[in-house]
Amino acid sequence: CLICQQVKIEHQWASGLLQQLDIPVWKWDEISIEFVTGLPQTQRRHDAIWVVVDRLTKLAHILPIRKDYSVSRLSEIFQQEIVRLHGTPSVIVSDRDPGFASHFWKGLQKAWGTRLKFSTAFHPQTDGQSEHTIQTLEDMLRSCALEWTGN
């Protein structure tokens, strides 16, 4: 449709040597996570989105959050929305977000027995699933915004 063509952005990935991650053997055993910030505030005061993608099935949870949430609050949300539904993942792939590199999060992962793998932003060889999901989400949000404003 015309609106989709207007908001579609070409996504050119950086080239480089492949750093392919192993293929997971079970759904929700390995996930990738990413935060999208800089969004307008909703009526419930959410101003960010937490994207959690299963690396095997590509199923994504898109969780509304606030960028001022503490790591403790994020871990509660993770427990309620991911662990409760899918169990504790053994591997979490994330960019080098300070919240997930924190002492608290490392302690929580140790207690759960989860390994954290860091990726480099915009390198699909290591974390293309969450990046691709975010780009699709951004395209959809732009499309909705254009339809709602009538442009």
N, C-alpha and C. Protein backbone atom coordinates (compact mmCIF):
# COMPACT_ATOMS: atom_id res chain seq x y z
N CYS A 1 0.84 -1.18 0.00
CA CYS A 1 0.00 0.00 0.00
C CYS A 1 0.89 1.25 0.00
N LEU A 2 0.28 2.37 -0.28
CA LEU A 2 1.03 3.63 -0.39
C LEU A 2 1.69 4.02 0.93
N ILE A 3 0.97 3.86 2.03
CA ILE A 3 1.54 4.24 3.33
C ILE A 3 2.75 3.37 3.66
N CYS A 4 2.64 2.07 3.41
CA CYS A 4 3.77 1.18 3.68
C CYS A 4 4.99 1.57 2.86
N GLN A 5 4.78 1.96 1.61
CA GLN A 5 5.89 2.38 0.77
C GLN A 5 6.52 3.67 1.27
N GLN A 6 5.70 4.57 1.86
CA GLN A 6 6.21 5.83 2.36
C GLN A 6 7.09 5.65 3.59
N VAL A 7 6.74 4.69 4.44
CA VAL A 7 7.48 4.53 5.70
C VAL A 7 8.58 3.49 5.63
N LYS A 8 8.61 2.70 4.58
CA LYS A 8 9.62 1.65 4.45
C LYS A 8 11.01 2.25 4.31
N ILE A 9 11.93 1.79 5.10
CA ILE A 9 13.30 2.28 5.07
C ILE A 9 14.20 1.15 4.60
N GLU A 10 15.16 1.48 3.75
CA GLU A 10 16.15 0.49 3.35
C GLU A 10 17.09 0.24 4.52
N HIS A 11 17.32 -0.99 4.82
CA HIS A 11 18.18 -1.35 5.95
C HIS A 11 19.45 -1.99 5.40
N GLN A 12 20.52 -1.26 5.47
CA GLN A 12 21.81 -1.74 4.98
C GLN A 12 22.64 -2.16 6.19
N TRP A 13 23.01 -3.41 6.26
CA TRP A 13 23.79 -3.91 7.38
C TRP A 13 25.28 -3.69 7.12
N ALA A 14 25.99 -3.50 8.19
CA ALA A 14 27.44 -3.39 8.10
C ALA A 14 28.01 -4.73 7.66
N SER A 15 28.99 -4.69 6.79
CA SER A 15 29.60 -5.93 6.34
C SER A 15 30.74 -6.31 7.28
N GLY A 16 31.10 -7.54 7.25
CA GLY A 16 32.18 -8.01 8.09
C GLY A 16 32.18 -9.53 8.15
N LEU A 17 33.10 -10.07 8.90
CA LEU A 17 33.17 -11.52 9.05
C LEU A 17 31.98 -12.01 9.86
N LEU A 18 31.44 -13.15 9.46
CA LEU A 18 30.31 -13.71 10.18
C LEU A 18 30.73 -14.19 11.56
N GLN A 19 29.93 -13.84 12.55
CA GLN A 19 30.12 -14.31 13.92
C GLN A 19 28.85 -15.05 14.31
N GLN A 20 28.53 -16.07 13.55
CA GLN A 20 27.27 -16.77 13.69
C GLN A 20 27.14 -17.42 15.06
N LEU A 21 25.97 -17.24 15.68
CA LEU A 21 25.67 -17.93 16.92
C LEU A 21 25.16 -19.33 16.59
N ASP A 22 25.33 -20.25 17.52
CA ASP A 22 24.82 -21.61 17.33
C ASP A 22 23.29 -21.57 17.22
N ILE A 23 22.73 -22.51 16.48
CA ILE A 23 21.28 -22.60 16.36
C ILE A 23 20.74 -23.24 17.64
N PRO A 24 19.76 -22.60 18.28
CA PRO A 24 19.20 -23.18 19.51
C PRO A 24 18.53 -24.52 19.23
N VAL A 25 18.50 -25.38 20.23
CA VAL A 25 17.90 -26.70 20.05
C VAL A 25 16.46 -26.75 20.57
N TRP A 26 16.04 -25.77 21.36
CA TRP A 26 14.69 -25.78 21.90
C TRP A 26 14.16 -24.36 21.96
N LYS A 27 12.85 -24.21 21.75
CA LYS A 27 12.25 -22.88 21.77
C LYS A 27 12.38 -22.23 23.15
N TRP A 28 12.64 -20.95 23.14
CA TRP A 28 12.80 -20.10 24.32
C TRP A 28 13.96 -20.52 25.21
N ASP A 29 14.88 -21.35 24.69
CA ASP A 29 16.09 -21.68 25.42
C ASP A 29 17.13 -20.57 25.24
N GLU A 30 17.12 -19.94 24.07
CA GLU A 30 18.03 -18.82 23.79
C GLU A 30 17.21 -17.66 23.26
N ILE A 31 17.38 -16.50 23.87
CA ILE A 31 16.62 -15.32 23.47
C ILE A 31 17.56 -14.16 23.19
N SER A 32 17.07 -13.19 22.45
CA SER A 32 17.81 -11.94 22.29
C SER A 32 16.91 -10.83 22.81
N ILE A 33 17.53 -9.82 23.42
CA ILE A 33 16.77 -8.72 23.99
C ILE A 33 17.34 -7.40 23.50
N GLU A 34 16.47 -6.43 23.43
CA GLU A 34 16.86 -5.10 22.95
C GLU A 34 15.88 -4.09 23.52
N PHE A 35 16.36 -2.89 23.78
CA PHE A 35 15.51 -1.80 24.25
C PHE A 35 15.36 -0.76 23.15
N VAL A 36 14.14 -0.26 22.97
CA VAL A 36 13.87 0.84 22.05
C VAL A 36 13.45 2.02 22.91
N THR A 37 14.23 3.09 22.90
CA THR A 37 13.94 4.26 23.72
C THR A 37 13.69 5.47 22.82
N GLY A 38 13.39 6.59 23.44
CA GLY A 38 13.15 7.81 22.68
C GLY A 38 11.77 7.87 22.06
N LEU A 39 10.84 7.11 22.61
CA LEU A 39 9.47 7.10 22.09
C LEU A 39 8.62 8.12 22.84
N PRO A 40 7.55 8.62 22.21
CA PRO A 40 6.66 9.52 22.94
C PRO A 40 5.97 8.77 24.09
N GLN A 41 5.69 9.48 25.15
CA GLN A 41 5.09 8.87 26.34
C GLN A 41 3.63 8.52 26.08
N THR A 42 3.23 7.32 26.52
CA THR A 42 1.84 6.89 26.38
C THR A 42 1.02 7.41 27.56
N GLN A 43 -0.28 7.13 27.54
CA GLN A 43 -1.14 7.54 28.65
C GLN A 43 -0.74 6.87 29.95
N ARG A 44 -0.15 5.70 29.86
CA ARG A 44 0.32 4.99 31.06
C ARG A 44 1.78 5.32 31.40
N ARG A 45 2.31 6.36 30.76
CA ARG A 45 3.65 6.88 31.00
C ARG A 45 4.77 5.96 30.50
N HIS A 46 4.47 5.02 29.64
CA HIS A 46 5.53 4.20 29.03
C HIS A 46 6.21 5.03 27.96
N ASP A 47 7.53 4.98 27.92
CA ASP A 47 8.27 5.74 26.91
C ASP A 47 9.37 4.91 26.24
N ALA A 48 9.28 3.60 26.41
CA ALA A 48 10.27 2.70 25.81
C ALA A 48 9.61 1.34 25.58
N ILE A 49 10.27 0.53 24.77
CA ILE A 49 9.79 -0.82 24.48
C ILE A 49 10.94 -1.79 24.71
N TRP A 50 10.63 -2.91 25.34
CA TRP A 50 11.60 -3.98 25.55
C TRP A 50 11.22 -5.11 24.60
N VAL A 51 12.10 -5.43 23.66
CA VAL A 51 11.84 -6.47 22.67
C VAL A 51 12.60 -7.73 23.08
N VAL A 52 11.87 -8.83 23.27
CA VAL A 52 12.46 -10.12 23.63
C VAL A 52 12.09 -11.10 22.52
N VAL A 53 13.10 -11.65 21.84
CA VAL A 53 12.87 -12.52 20.68
C VAL A 53 13.46 -13.91 20.95
N ASP A 54 12.63 -14.93 20.73
CA ASP A 54 13.13 -16.31 20.79
C ASP A 54 13.98 -16.55 19.55
N ARG A 55 15.21 -16.99 19.74
CA ARG A 55 16.13 -17.15 18.62
C ARG A 55 15.76 -18.31 17.71
N LEU A 56 14.99 -19.28 18.18
CA LEU A 56 14.63 -20.42 17.33
C LEU A 56 13.36 -20.14 16.53
N THR A 57 12.29 -19.75 17.20
CA THR A 57 10.99 -19.58 16.52
C THR A 57 10.78 -18.17 15.98
N LYS A 58 11.61 -17.22 16.41
CA LYS A 58 11.49 -15.81 16.03
C LYS A 58 10.26 -15.14 16.63
N LEU A 59 9.56 -15.81 17.54
CA LEU A 59 8.43 -15.20 18.23
C LEU A 59 8.96 -14.09 19.13
N ALA A 60 8.25 -12.96 19.14
CA ALA A 60 8.72 -11.81 19.92
C ALA A 60 7.68 -11.36 20.93
N HIS A 61 8.16 -10.95 22.09
CA HIS A 61 7.34 -10.25 23.07
C HIS A 61 7.78 -8.80 23.01
N ILE A 62 6.82 -7.90 22.86
CA ILE A 62 7.10 -6.47 22.81
C ILE A 62 6.47 -5.87 24.06
N LEU A 63 7.31 -5.51 25.02
CA LEU A 63 6.84 -5.11 26.34
C LEU A 63 6.98 -3.60 26.54
N PRO A 64 5.88 -2.91 26.87
CA PRO A 64 5.98 -1.48 27.15
C PRO A 64 6.64 -1.26 28.51
N ILE A 65 7.62 -0.38 28.55
CA ILE A 65 8.33 -0.07 29.80
C ILE A 65 8.59 1.43 29.85
N ARG A 66 9.15 1.85 30.97
CA ARG A 66 9.64 3.23 31.09
C ARG A 66 11.15 3.17 31.17
N LYS A 67 11.80 4.14 30.55
CA LYS A 67 13.27 4.10 30.52
C LYS A 67 13.88 4.34 31.89
N ASP A 68 13.09 4.81 32.86
CA ASP A 68 13.62 5.01 34.21
C ASP A 68 13.37 3.81 35.13
N TYR A 69 12.86 2.70 34.59
CA TYR A 69 12.67 1.51 35.41
C TYR A 69 14.02 1.03 35.93
N SER A 70 14.03 0.59 37.17
CA SER A 70 15.24 0.03 37.76
C SER A 70 15.48 -1.37 37.20
N VAL A 71 16.69 -1.86 37.38
CA VAL A 71 17.00 -3.23 36.95
C VAL A 71 16.13 -4.21 37.72
N SER A 72 15.84 -3.88 38.97
CA SER A 72 14.97 -4.73 39.78
C SER A 72 13.58 -4.83 39.16
N ARG A 73 13.03 -3.70 38.72
CA ARG A 73 11.70 -3.69 38.09
C ARG A 73 11.73 -4.45 36.76
N LEU A 74 12.80 -4.27 35.99
CA LEU A 74 12.92 -5.00 34.73
C LEU A 74 12.99 -6.51 34.97
N SER A 75 13.67 -6.92 36.03
CA SER A 75 13.75 -8.35 36.31
C SER A 75 12.38 -8.91 36.71
N GLU A 76 11.56 -8.09 37.41
CA GLU A 76 10.19 -8.51 37.73
C GLU A 76 9.38 -8.72 36.45
N ILE A 77 9.49 -7.76 35.53
CA ILE A 77 8.77 -7.87 34.26
C ILE A 77 9.24 -9.10 33.48
N PHE A 78 10.55 -9.32 33.47
CA PHE A 78 11.12 -10.49 32.78
C PHE A 78 10.55 -11.78 33.37
N GLN A 79 10.47 -11.83 34.69
CA GLN A 79 9.94 -13.01 35.38
C GLN A 79 8.46 -13.21 35.02
N GLN A 80 7.67 -12.12 35.04
CA GLN A 80 6.23 -12.21 34.78
C GLN A 80 5.91 -12.52 33.32
N GLU A 81 6.64 -11.91 32.41
CA GLU A 81 6.26 -11.97 31.00
C GLU A 81 7.02 -13.02 30.18
N ILE A 82 8.20 -13.41 30.62
CA ILE A 82 9.00 -14.36 29.84
C ILE A 82 9.15 -15.68 30.59
N VAL A 83 9.72 -15.63 31.78
CA VAL A 83 10.00 -16.87 32.53
C VAL A 83 8.70 -17.60 32.88
N ARG A 84 7.67 -16.86 33.28
CA ARG A 84 6.39 -17.49 33.63
C ARG A 84 5.78 -18.24 32.45
N LEU A 85 5.92 -17.69 31.26
CA LEU A 85 5.31 -18.30 30.08
C LEU A 85 6.19 -19.34 29.39
N HIS A 86 7.51 -19.13 29.41
CA HIS A 86 8.39 -19.95 28.59
C HIS A 86 9.50 -20.66 29.37
N GLY A 87 9.63 -20.39 30.65
CA GLY A 87 10.72 -20.95 31.42
C GLY A 87 11.95 -20.05 31.35
N THR A 88 12.95 -20.40 32.12
CA THR A 88 14.17 -19.61 32.17
C THR A 88 15.07 -19.96 30.98
N PRO A 89 15.44 -18.98 30.17
CA PRO A 89 16.34 -19.26 29.05
C PRO A 89 17.74 -19.58 29.56
N SER A 90 18.47 -20.36 28.79
CA SER A 90 19.85 -20.66 29.18
C SER A 90 20.82 -19.61 28.65
N VAL A 91 20.44 -18.92 27.56
CA VAL A 91 21.31 -17.90 26.95
C VAL A 91 20.48 -16.67 26.62
N ILE A 92 21.02 -15.50 26.97
CA ILE A 92 20.41 -14.22 26.60
C ILE A 92 21.44 -13.46 25.79
N VAL A 93 21.08 -13.09 24.55
CA VAL A 93 21.95 -12.30 23.70
C VAL A 93 21.48 -10.85 23.80
N SER A 94 22.39 -9.95 24.14
CA SER A 94 22.04 -8.55 24.31
C SER A 94 23.18 -7.68 23.82
N ASP A 95 22.84 -6.42 23.51
CA ASP A 95 23.91 -5.46 23.24
C ASP A 95 24.54 -5.09 24.59
N ARG A 96 25.42 -4.18 24.58
CA ARG A 96 26.14 -3.84 25.81
C ARG A 96 25.41 -2.79 26.63
N ASP A 97 24.12 -3.01 26.83
CA ASP A 97 23.31 -2.10 27.62
C ASP A 97 23.80 -2.10 29.07
N PRO A 98 24.00 -0.92 29.67
CA PRO A 98 24.52 -0.85 31.04
C PRO A 98 23.65 -1.59 32.06
N GLY A 99 22.33 -1.60 31.85
CA GLY A 99 21.45 -2.28 32.79
C GLY A 99 21.71 -3.77 32.86
N PHE A 100 22.00 -4.38 31.72
CA PHE A 100 22.22 -5.82 31.70
C PHE A 100 23.66 -6.19 32.02
N ALA A 101 24.52 -5.21 32.07
CA ALA A 101 25.89 -5.47 32.49
C ALA A 101 26.05 -5.19 33.98
N SER A 102 24.97 -4.78 34.64
CA SER A 102 25.05 -4.38 36.04
C SER A 102 25.32 -5.58 36.95
N HIS A 103 25.79 -5.28 38.13
CA HIS A 103 26.10 -6.30 39.14
C HIS A 103 24.83 -7.09 39.50
N PHE A 104 23.71 -6.38 39.67
CA PHE A 104 22.46 -7.04 40.04
C PHE A 104 22.03 -8.05 38.98
N TRP A 105 22.05 -7.63 37.71
CA TRP A 105 21.61 -8.52 36.65
C TRP A 105 22.52 -9.73 36.53
N LYS A 106 23.83 -9.51 36.70
CA LYS A 106 24.77 -10.63 36.66
C LYS A 106 24.48 -11.62 37.78
N GLY A 107 24.15 -11.09 38.97
CA GLY A 107 23.81 -11.96 40.10
C GLY A 107 22.54 -12.75 39.84
N LEU A 108 21.56 -12.10 39.23
CA LEU A 108 20.30 -12.76 38.90
C LEU A 108 20.54 -13.88 37.88
N GLN A 109 21.37 -13.61 36.89
CA GLN A 109 21.67 -14.63 35.89
C GLN A 109 22.41 -15.80 36.51
N LYS A 110 23.28 -15.52 37.44
CA LYS A 110 24.00 -16.60 38.11
C LYS A 110 23.02 -17.48 38.88
N ALA A 111 22.06 -16.85 39.57
CA ALA A 111 21.06 -17.60 40.32
C ALA A 111 20.18 -18.44 39.40
N TRP A 112 19.85 -17.91 38.23
CA TRP A 112 19.02 -18.63 37.27
C TRP A 112 19.81 -19.62 36.43
N GLY A 113 21.12 -19.47 36.39
CA GLY A 113 21.95 -20.33 35.55
C GLY A 113 21.92 -19.92 34.09
N THR A 114 21.70 -18.64 33.83
CA THR A 114 21.62 -18.10 32.47
C THR A 114 22.95 -17.48 32.07
N ARG A 115 23.36 -17.70 30.81
CA ARG A 115 24.56 -17.05 30.28
C ARG A 115 24.15 -15.84 29.46
N LEU A 116 24.90 -14.75 29.59
CA LEU A 116 24.65 -13.55 28.81
C LEU A 116 25.73 -13.43 27.75
N LYS A 117 25.30 -13.32 26.50
CA LYS A 117 26.23 -13.10 25.39
C LYS A 117 26.01 -11.69 24.88
N PHE A 118 27.09 -10.92 24.78
CA PHE A 118 26.98 -9.56 24.27
C PHE A 118 27.18 -9.54 22.77
N SER A 119 26.37 -8.74 22.10
CA SER A 119 26.51 -8.56 20.66
C SER A 119 26.96 -7.13 20.40
N THR A 120 27.28 -6.86 19.16
CA THR A 120 27.62 -5.52 18.73
C THR A 120 26.43 -4.96 17.98
N ALA A 121 26.04 -3.74 18.27
CA ALA A 121 24.86 -3.14 17.65
C ALA A 121 24.98 -3.15 16.13
N PHE A 122 23.87 -3.43 15.47
CA PHE A 122 23.73 -3.44 14.01
C PHE A 122 24.65 -4.45 13.33
N HIS A 123 24.96 -5.54 14.01
CA HIS A 123 25.69 -6.64 13.39
C HIS A 123 24.77 -7.86 13.40
N PRO A 124 24.06 -8.10 12.30
CA PRO A 124 23.08 -9.18 12.28
C PRO A 124 23.72 -10.55 12.43
N GLN A 125 25.03 -10.63 12.27
CA GLN A 125 25.68 -11.92 12.43
C GLN A 125 25.52 -12.42 13.86
N THR A 126 25.41 -11.51 14.83
CA THR A 126 25.28 -11.93 16.21
C THR A 126 23.90 -11.68 16.77
N ASP A 127 23.22 -10.62 16.36
CA ASP A 127 21.93 -10.31 16.97
C ASP A 127 20.95 -9.76 15.96
N GLY A 128 20.88 -10.33 14.80
CA GLY A 128 20.01 -9.81 13.76
C GLY A 128 18.53 -9.97 14.05
N GLN A 129 18.16 -10.95 14.87
CA GLN A 129 16.74 -11.18 15.09
C GLN A 129 16.07 -10.04 15.82
N SER A 130 16.64 -9.59 16.92
CA SER A 130 15.99 -8.49 17.64
C SER A 130 16.08 -7.20 16.83
N GLU A 131 17.20 -6.98 16.15
CA GLU A 131 17.32 -5.77 15.32
C GLU A 131 16.28 -5.77 14.20
N HIS A 132 16.08 -6.91 13.56
CA HIS A 132 15.10 -7.01 12.49
C HIS A 132 13.69 -6.80 13.03
N THR A 133 13.39 -7.38 14.18
CA THR A 133 12.08 -7.20 14.79
C THR A 133 11.83 -5.74 15.12
N ILE A 134 12.85 -5.05 15.63
CA ILE A 134 12.71 -3.64 15.97
C ILE A 134 12.47 -2.81 14.72
N GLN A 135 13.18 -3.10 13.64
CA GLN A 135 12.98 -2.35 12.40
C GLN A 135 11.57 -2.55 11.86
N THR A 136 11.06 -3.77 11.93
CA THR A 136 9.69 -4.04 11.50
C THR A 136 8.70 -3.29 12.38
N LEU A 137 8.95 -3.30 13.69
CA LEU A 137 8.09 -2.58 14.63
C LEU A 137 8.09 -1.08 14.33
N GLU A 138 9.27 -0.52 14.07
CA GLU A 138 9.36 0.91 13.75
C GLU A 138 8.58 1.23 12.47
N ASP A 139 8.69 0.37 11.46
CA ASP A 139 7.93 0.57 10.22
C ASP A 139 6.43 0.54 10.49
N MET A 140 5.99 -0.39 11.33
CA MET A 140 4.57 -0.49 11.65
C MET A 140 4.09 0.74 12.42
N LEU A 141 4.90 1.21 13.37
CA LEU A 141 4.52 2.40 14.14
C LEU A 141 4.43 3.63 13.25
N ARG A 142 5.39 3.78 12.31
CA ARG A 142 5.34 4.90 11.37
C ARG A 142 4.07 4.83 10.52
N SER A 143 3.73 3.64 10.07
CA SER A 143 2.54 3.45 9.26
C SER A 143 1.29 3.85 10.04
N CYS A 144 1.19 3.41 11.28
CA CYS A 144 0.04 3.77 12.12
C CYS A 144 -0.02 5.28 12.35
N ALA A 145 1.12 5.89 12.60
CA ALA A 145 1.16 7.33 12.84
C ALA A 145 0.69 8.09 11.60
N LEU A 146 1.10 7.64 10.42
CA LEU A 146 0.66 8.30 9.19
C LEU A 146 -0.85 8.14 8.98
N GLU A 147 -1.36 6.95 9.26
CA GLU A 147 -2.80 6.73 9.08
C GLU A 147 -3.61 7.56 10.07
N TRP A 148 -3.15 7.66 11.32
CA TRP A 148 -3.89 8.41 12.34
C TRP A 148 -3.86 9.91 12.09
N THR A 149 -2.77 10.41 11.52
CA THR A 149 -2.69 11.85 11.26
C THR A 149 -3.27 12.21 9.90
N GLY A 150 -3.53 11.22 9.07
CA GLY A 150 -4.14 11.47 7.77
C GLY A 150 -3.16 11.93 6.71
N ASN A 151 -1.86 11.79 6.93
CA ASN A 151 -0.84 12.19 5.95
C ASN A 151 -0.48 11.04 5.05
